[in-house]
Amino acid sequence: MTKDDCYQVGHITKTHGVSGELVLYLDVDNAAEYADLESVLLEVKGELIPYFIESIAIVKGSRAIVAFEDIDSMEQAERLINCGAFLPLDELEPITDETRFYFHEIVGFQIVDATEGPLGIVRGVYAMNAQDLIAMDYQEKEVLIPINSDIVRTVDRANKKLNVALPDGLLAIYMEDDAKEKPDDQTDRSPDDTDED
């Protein structure tokens, strides 16, 4: 199974205690839905490896304390710190609500603004602590769009479109960099710089 067949649910952040338990940060809307996980795929040195769960306890919102089978020392556990945790895509419940979506499913969708019309293609989604962001390719630049209900309105799965209402001036912020850049053929030379000896 490859990463294309999976979605990332989180990553291992640190060890917990001395008997091999680990802290799994769950980057999901509702961590409680994952309280009965039986196994997870961890990305170890670029490969997805299945790990079976002996126990899992959701603590403090998005954190879970996990004990994996055959991981029973701190040394073994430390090797898994920073490993991404994945589950197969076919385990996801399909979303039919047009105002909600999984981050992975909108990659490749066209962004359509209520005012400007079609803009660009979703290249990826950055899950950030403060604000999740959609990365859109627009006129050969990456434009970041905050994900909230005021901006990202609906998803049209049939036509692979994401309908948005961008804040005034958002695109201009990314485009104005062009005006500030110097042409490549200009060089700074002082008046007494010459090619003569």
C-alpha atoms as a PDB file:
ATOM      1  CA  MET A   1       0.000   0.000   0.000  1.00  0.00           C
ATOM      2  CA  THR A   2       1.332   3.421  -0.952  1.00  0.00           C
ATOM      3  CA  LYS A   3       0.672   6.908   0.433  1.00  0.00           C
ATOM      4  CA  ASP A   4      -1.605   7.542  -2.561  1.00  0.00           C
ATOM      5  CA  ASP A   5      -3.937   4.870  -1.150  1.00  0.00           C
ATOM      6  CA  CYS A   6      -3.947   6.461   2.302  1.00  0.00           C
ATOM      7  CA  TYR A   7      -4.675   9.624   4.205  1.00  0.00           C
ATOM      8  CA  GLN A   8      -2.603  11.010   7.034  1.00  0.00           C
ATOM      9  CA  VAL A   9      -4.285  11.073  10.433  1.00  0.00           C
ATOM     10  CA  GLY A  10      -1.378  12.548  12.339  1.00  0.00           C
ATOM     11  CA  HIS A  11       2.172  11.858  13.510  1.00  0.00           C
ATOM     12  CA  ILE A  12       4.120  10.578  16.480  1.00  0.00           C
ATOM     13  CA  THR A  13       5.401  13.496  18.557  1.00  0.00           C
ATOM     14  CA  LYS A  14       7.261  11.953  21.510  1.00  0.00           C
ATOM     15  CA  THR A  15       7.589   9.022  23.871  1.00  0.00           C
ATOM     16  CA  HIS A  16       5.373   8.651  26.932  1.00  0.00           C
ATOM     17  CA  GLY A  17       6.778   6.968  30.006  1.00  0.00           C
ATOM     18  CA  VAL A  18       9.481   4.313  29.887  1.00  0.00           C
ATOM     19  CA  SER A  19       7.612   1.252  28.617  1.00  0.00           C
ATOM     20  CA  GLY A  20       7.417   2.137  24.914  1.00  0.00           C
ATOM     21  CA  GLU A  21       4.205   4.164  24.793  1.00  0.00           C
ATOM     22  CA  LEU A  22       4.053   7.089  22.383  1.00  0.00           C
ATOM     23  CA  VAL A  23       2.108  10.309  21.914  1.00  0.00           C
ATOM     24  CA  LEU A  24       0.189  10.364  18.625  1.00  0.00           C
ATOM     25  CA  TYR A  25      -1.007  13.805  17.503  1.00  0.00           C
ATOM     26  CA  LEU A  26      -4.280  13.295  15.609  1.00  0.00           C
ATOM     27  CA  ASP A  27      -4.682  15.966  12.920  1.00  0.00           C
ATOM     28  CA  VAL A  28      -8.405  15.318  12.474  1.00  0.00           C
ATOM     29  CA  ASP A  29     -11.680  17.139  13.131  1.00  0.00           C
ATOM     30  CA  ASN A  30     -12.814  14.768  15.878  1.00  0.00           C
ATOM     31  CA  ALA A  31     -10.096  12.761  17.618  1.00  0.00           C
ATOM     32  CA  ALA A  32     -12.690  10.776  19.589  1.00  0.00           C
ATOM     33  CA  GLU A  33     -13.693   9.001  16.365  1.00  0.00           C
ATOM     34  CA  TYR A  34     -10.274   7.302  16.424  1.00  0.00           C
ATOM     35  CA  ALA A  35     -10.509   5.985  19.998  1.00  0.00           C
ATOM     36  CA  ASP A  36     -11.034   2.401  18.772  1.00  0.00           C
ATOM     37  CA  LEU A  37      -8.174   2.215  16.262  1.00  0.00           C
ATOM     38  CA  GLU A  38      -6.788  -1.295  15.970  1.00  0.00           C
ATOM     39  CA  SER A  39      -3.839  -0.497  13.719  1.00  0.00           C
ATOM     40  CA  VAL A  40      -2.139   2.321  11.867  1.00  0.00           C
ATOM     41  CA  LEU A  41       0.449   2.613   9.097  1.00  0.00           C
ATOM     42  CA  LEU A  42       3.570   4.485  10.181  1.00  0.00           C
ATOM     43  CA  GLU A  43       5.923   5.993   7.615  1.00  0.00           C
ATOM     44  CA  VAL A  44       9.340   4.686   8.612  1.00  0.00           C
ATOM     45  CA  LYS A  45      12.234   5.684   6.339  1.00  0.00           C
ATOM     46  CA  GLY A  46       9.846   6.353   3.456  1.00  0.00           C
ATOM     47  CA  GLU A  47       7.888   3.088   3.765  1.00  0.00           C
ATOM     48  CA  LEU A  48       4.448   2.512   5.262  1.00  0.00           C
ATOM     49  CA  ILE A  49       4.634  -0.205   7.895  1.00  0.00           C
ATOM     50  CA  PRO A  50       1.593  -1.553   9.783  1.00  0.00           C
ATOM     51  CA  TYR A  51       1.672  -1.275  13.573  1.00  0.00           C
ATOM     52  CA  PHE A  52      -0.980  -2.982  15.693  1.00  0.00           C
ATOM     53  CA  ILE A  53      -2.339  -1.053  18.659  1.00  0.00           C
ATOM     54  CA  GLU A  54      -2.512  -2.656  22.104  1.00  0.00           C
ATOM     55  CA  SER A  55      -4.127   0.379  23.712  1.00  0.00           C
ATOM     56  CA  ILE A  56      -5.042   3.927  22.806  1.00  0.00           C
ATOM     57  CA  ALA A  57      -6.325   6.737  25.032  1.00  0.00           C
ATOM     58  CA  ILE A  58      -7.401  10.122  23.682  1.00  0.00           C
ATOM     59  CA  VAL A  59      -6.108  12.894  25.961  1.00  0.00           C
ATOM     60  CA  LYS A  60      -6.146  16.688  25.734  1.00  0.00           C
ATOM     61  CA  GLY A  61      -8.127  17.109  22.542  1.00  0.00           C
ATOM     62  CA  SER A  62      -6.022  15.877  19.638  1.00  0.00           C
ATOM     63  CA  ARG A  63      -3.391  13.862  21.488  1.00  0.00           C
ATOM     64  CA  ALA A  64      -3.519  10.126  22.065  1.00  0.00           C
ATOM     65  CA  ILE A  65      -1.309   7.900  24.197  1.00  0.00           C
ATOM     66  CA  VAL A  66      -0.666   4.757  22.148  1.00  0.00           C
ATOM     67  CA  ALA A  67       0.924   1.416  22.996  1.00  0.00           C
ATOM     68  CA  PHE A  68       1.932  -0.623  19.934  1.00  0.00           C
ATOM     69  CA  GLU A  69       2.486  -4.374  19.890  1.00  0.00           C
ATOM     70  CA  ASP A  70       6.179  -5.321  20.059  1.00  0.00           C
ATOM     71  CA  ILE A  71       7.232  -1.799  21.105  1.00  0.00           C
ATOM     72  CA  ASP A  72       8.030  -2.193  24.773  1.00  0.00           C
ATOM     73  CA  SER A  73      11.068  -0.031  25.475  1.00  0.00           C
ATOM     74  CA  MET A  74      11.883   3.661  25.236  1.00  0.00           C
ATOM     75  CA  GLU A  75      14.675   2.896  22.751  1.00  0.00           C
ATOM     76  CA  GLN A  76      12.251   1.163  20.361  1.00  0.00           C
ATOM     77  CA  ALA A  77       9.705   3.944  20.778  1.00  0.00           C
ATOM     78  CA  GLU A  78      12.215   6.726  20.107  1.00  0.00           C
ATOM     79  CA  ARG A  79      12.791   5.364  16.583  1.00  0.00           C
ATOM     80  CA  LEU A  80       9.156   6.176  15.743  1.00  0.00           C
ATOM     81  CA  ILE A  81       9.205   9.847  16.813  1.00  0.00           C
ATOM     82  CA  ASN A  82       8.172  12.157  13.913  1.00  0.00           C
ATOM     83  CA  CYS A  83       6.808   9.244  11.851  1.00  0.00           C
ATOM     84  CA  GLY A  84       3.594  10.101  10.001  1.00  0.00           C
ATOM     85  CA  ALA A  85       0.530   7.977  10.815  1.00  0.00           C
ATOM     86  CA  PHE A  86      -1.729   6.887   7.951  1.00  0.00           C
ATOM     87  CA  LEU A  87      -4.927   4.933   7.355  1.00  0.00           C
ATOM     88  CA  PRO A  88      -6.314   3.484   4.093  1.00  0.00           C
ATOM     89  CA  LEU A  89      -8.595   5.825   2.148  1.00  0.00           C
ATOM     90  CA  ASP A  90     -11.294   3.155   1.932  1.00  0.00           C
ATOM     91  CA  GLU A  91     -11.792   3.445   5.704  1.00  0.00           C
ATOM     92  CA  LEU A  92     -12.995   7.032   5.376  1.00  0.00           C
ATOM     93  CA  GLU A  93     -16.698   7.708   5.692  1.00  0.00           C
ATOM     94  CA  PRO A  94     -17.824   9.505   2.528  1.00  0.00           C
ATOM     95  CA  ILE A  95     -18.904  13.135   3.023  1.00  0.00           C
ATOM     96  CA  THR A  96     -22.058  14.195   1.212  1.00  0.00           C
ATOM     97  CA  ASP A  97     -22.375  17.649   2.800  1.00  0.00           C
ATOM     98  CA  GLU A  98     -21.291  20.200   0.166  1.00  0.00           C
ATOM     99  CA  THR A  99     -19.873  22.527   2.849  1.00  0.00           C
ATOM    100  CA  ARG A 100     -17.411  19.935   4.231  1.00  0.00           C
ATOM    101  CA  PHE A 101     -14.559  18.015   2.648  1.00  0.00           C
ATOM    102  CA  TYR A 102     -11.454  15.999   3.388  1.00  0.00           C
ATOM    103  CA  PHE A 103      -8.264  17.905   2.672  1.00  0.00           C
ATOM    104  CA  HIS A 104      -6.851  15.198   0.411  1.00  0.00           C
ATOM    105  CA  GLU A 105      -9.958  15.020  -1.786  1.00  0.00           C
ATOM    106  CA  ILE A 106      -9.800  18.629  -3.053  1.00  0.00           C
ATOM    107  CA  VAL A 107      -6.237  18.406  -4.423  1.00  0.00           C
ATOM    108  CA  GLY A 108      -6.545  19.008  -8.163  1.00  0.00           C
ATOM    109  CA  PHE A 109      -9.910  20.785  -7.839  1.00  0.00           C
ATOM    110  CA  GLN A 110     -10.411  24.127  -9.583  1.00  0.00           C
ATOM    111  CA  ILE A 111     -10.939  27.161  -7.343  1.00  0.00           C
ATOM    112  CA  VAL A 112     -13.890  29.273  -8.509  1.00  0.00           C
ATOM    113  CA  ASP A 113     -14.303  32.679  -6.871  1.00  0.00           C
ATOM    114  CA  ALA A 114     -17.763  34.262  -6.535  1.00  0.00           C
ATOM    115  CA  THR A 115     -16.467  37.515  -8.098  1.00  0.00           C
ATOM    116  CA  GLU A 116     -13.452  36.607 -10.245  1.00  0.00           C
ATOM    117  CA  GLY A 117     -14.665  33.242 -11.563  1.00  0.00           C
ATOM    118  CA  PRO A 118     -12.214  30.354 -12.225  1.00  0.00           C
ATOM    119  CA  LEU A 119      -8.791  31.066 -10.727  1.00  0.00           C
ATOM    120  CA  GLY A 120      -6.439  28.134 -10.305  1.00  0.00           C
ATOM    121  CA  ILE A 121      -5.928  24.578  -9.121  1.00  0.00           C
ATOM    122  CA  VAL A 122      -5.608  23.297  -5.556  1.00  0.00           C
ATOM    123  CA  ARG A 123      -2.032  22.052  -5.200  1.00  0.00           C
ATOM    124  CA  GLY A 124      -2.292  20.972  -1.577  1.00  0.00           C
ATOM    125  CA  VAL A 125      -3.526  21.834   1.893  1.00  0.00           C
ATOM    126  CA  TYR A 126      -1.365  22.967   4.797  1.00  0.00           C
ATOM    127  CA  ALA A 127      -2.737  21.883   8.156  1.00  0.00           C
ATOM    128  CA  MET A 128      -1.437  24.578  10.511  1.00  0.00           C
ATOM    129  CA  ASN A 129      -1.998  25.097  14.218  1.00  0.00           C
ATOM    130  CA  ALA A 130      -3.478  28.578  13.811  1.00  0.00           C
ATOM    131  CA  GLN A 131      -5.210  28.257  10.430  1.00  0.00           C
ATOM    132  CA  ASP A 132      -5.511  25.547   7.760  1.00  0.00           C
ATOM    133  CA  LEU A 133      -4.593  26.866   4.312  1.00  0.00           C
ATOM    134  CA  ILE A 134      -5.342  25.810   0.742  1.00  0.00           C
ATOM    135  CA  ALA A 135      -2.363  26.184  -1.597  1.00  0.00           C
ATOM    136  CA  MET A 136      -3.564  27.261  -5.053  1.00  0.00           C
ATOM    137  CA  ASP A 137      -1.496  27.599  -8.228  1.00  0.00           C
ATOM    138  CA  TYR A 138      -2.435  30.978  -9.698  1.00  0.00           C
ATOM    139  CA  GLN A 139      -0.524  32.679 -12.529  1.00  0.00           C
ATOM    140  CA  GLU A 140       2.612  30.653 -11.721  1.00  0.00           C
ATOM    141  CA  LYS A 141       2.483  31.661  -8.053  1.00  0.00           C
ATOM    142  CA  GLU A 142       1.372  29.876  -4.909  1.00  0.00           C
ATOM    143  CA  VAL A 143      -1.586  31.639  -3.287  1.00  0.00           C
ATOM    144  CA  LEU A 144      -2.651  30.586   0.216  1.00  0.00           C
ATOM    145  CA  ILE A 145      -6.364  30.643   0.999  1.00  0.00           C
ATOM    146  CA  PRO A 146      -7.536  30.380   4.627  1.00  0.00           C
ATOM    147  CA  ILE A 147     -10.049  27.598   5.209  1.00  0.00           C
ATOM    148  CA  ASN A 148     -13.133  28.929   6.947  1.00  0.00           C
ATOM    149  CA  SER A 149     -16.829  28.965   6.130  1.00  0.00           C
ATOM    150  CA  ASP A 150     -16.810  32.649   5.110  1.00  0.00           C
ATOM    151  CA  ILE A 151     -14.202  32.050   2.402  1.00  0.00           C
ATOM    152  CA  VAL A 152     -14.558  28.412   1.329  1.00  0.00           C
ATOM    153  CA  ARG A 153     -18.266  28.092   0.594  1.00  0.00           C
ATOM    154  CA  THR A 154     -19.063  24.789  -1.139  1.00  0.00           C
ATOM    155  CA  VAL A 155     -17.422  21.840  -2.854  1.00  0.00           C
ATOM    156  CA  ASP A 156     -18.729  20.526  -6.181  1.00  0.00           C
ATOM    157  CA  ARG A 157     -17.370  16.978  -6.230  1.00  0.00           C
ATOM    158  CA  ALA A 158     -19.020  16.045  -9.527  1.00  0.00           C
ATOM    159  CA  ASN A 159     -17.216  18.852 -11.388  1.00  0.00           C
ATOM    160  CA  LYS A 160     -14.100  18.972  -9.170  1.00  0.00           C
ATOM    161  CA  LYS A 161     -14.628  22.598  -8.198  1.00  0.00           C
ATOM    162  CA  LEU A 162     -14.236  24.460  -4.915  1.00  0.00           C
ATOM    163  CA  ASN A 163     -16.439  27.554  -4.663  1.00  0.00           C
ATOM    164  CA  VAL A 164     -14.917  30.407  -2.673  1.00  0.00           C
ATOM    165  CA  ALA A 165     -15.455  34.088  -1.855  1.00  0.00           C
ATOM    166  CA  LEU A 166     -11.934  35.467  -1.527  1.00  0.00           C
ATOM    167  CA  PRO A 167     -11.367  38.517   0.663  1.00  0.00           C
ATOM    168  CA  ASP A 168     -10.791  41.744  -1.263  1.00  0.00           C
ATOM    169  CA  GLY A 169      -7.114  42.214  -2.040  1.00  0.00           C
ATOM    170  CA  LEU A 170      -5.971  38.644  -1.280  1.00  0.00           C
ATOM    171  CA  LEU A 171      -4.833  37.936  -4.860  1.00  0.00           C
ATOM    172  CA  ALA A 172      -3.260  41.390  -5.153  1.00  0.00           C
ATOM    173  CA  ILE A 173      -0.960  40.678  -2.205  1.00  0.00           C
ATOM    174  CA  TYR A 174       0.593  37.762  -4.089  1.00  0.00           C
ATOM    175  CA  MET A 175       0.700  39.578  -7.442  1.00  0.00           C
ATOM    176  CA  GLU A 176       2.353  42.791  -6.217  1.00  0.00           C
ATOM    177  CA  ASP A 177       5.655  40.965  -5.654  1.00  0.00           C
ATOM    178  CA  ASP A 178       6.126  41.022  -9.450  1.00  0.00           C
ATOM    179  CA  ALA A 179       6.141  44.804  -9.495  1.00  0.00           C
ATOM    180  CA  LYS A 180       8.842  44.987  -6.819  1.00  0.00           C
ATOM    181  CA  GLU A 181      11.264  42.544  -8.437  1.00  0.00           C
ATOM    182  CA  LYS A 182      14.130  43.904 -10.483  1.00  0.00           C
ATOM    183  CA  PRO A 183      14.579  42.689 -14.043  1.00  0.00           C
ATOM    184  CA  ASP A 184      17.302  40.039 -14.229  1.00  0.00           C
ATOM    185  CA  ASP A 185      19.459  42.066 -16.633  1.00  0.00           C
ATOM    186  CA  GLN A 186      19.869  45.027 -14.237  1.00  0.00           C
ATOM    187  CA  THR A 187      22.958  45.063 -12.055  1.00  0.00           C
ATOM    188  CA  ASP A 188      24.010  47.528  -9.409  1.00  0.00           C
ATOM    189  CA  ARG A 189      27.179  49.365 -10.438  1.00  0.00           C
ATOM    190  CA  SER A 190      28.759  52.343  -8.852  1.00  0.00           C
ATOM    191  CA  PRO A 191      29.902  55.236 -11.096  1.00  0.00           C
ATOM    192  CA  ASP A 192      33.567  54.321 -10.800  1.00  0.00           C
ATOM    193  CA  ASP A 193      33.065  50.639 -11.711  1.00  0.00           C
ATOM    194  CA  THR A 194      34.638  50.220 -15.135  1.00  0.00           C
ATOM    195  CA  ASP A 195      36.051  47.406 -17.176  1.00  0.00           C
ATOM    196  CA  GLU A 196      39.291  49.292 -17.753  1.00  0.00           C
ATOM    197  CA  ASP A 197      42.508  48.662 -15.817  1.00  0.00           C
END
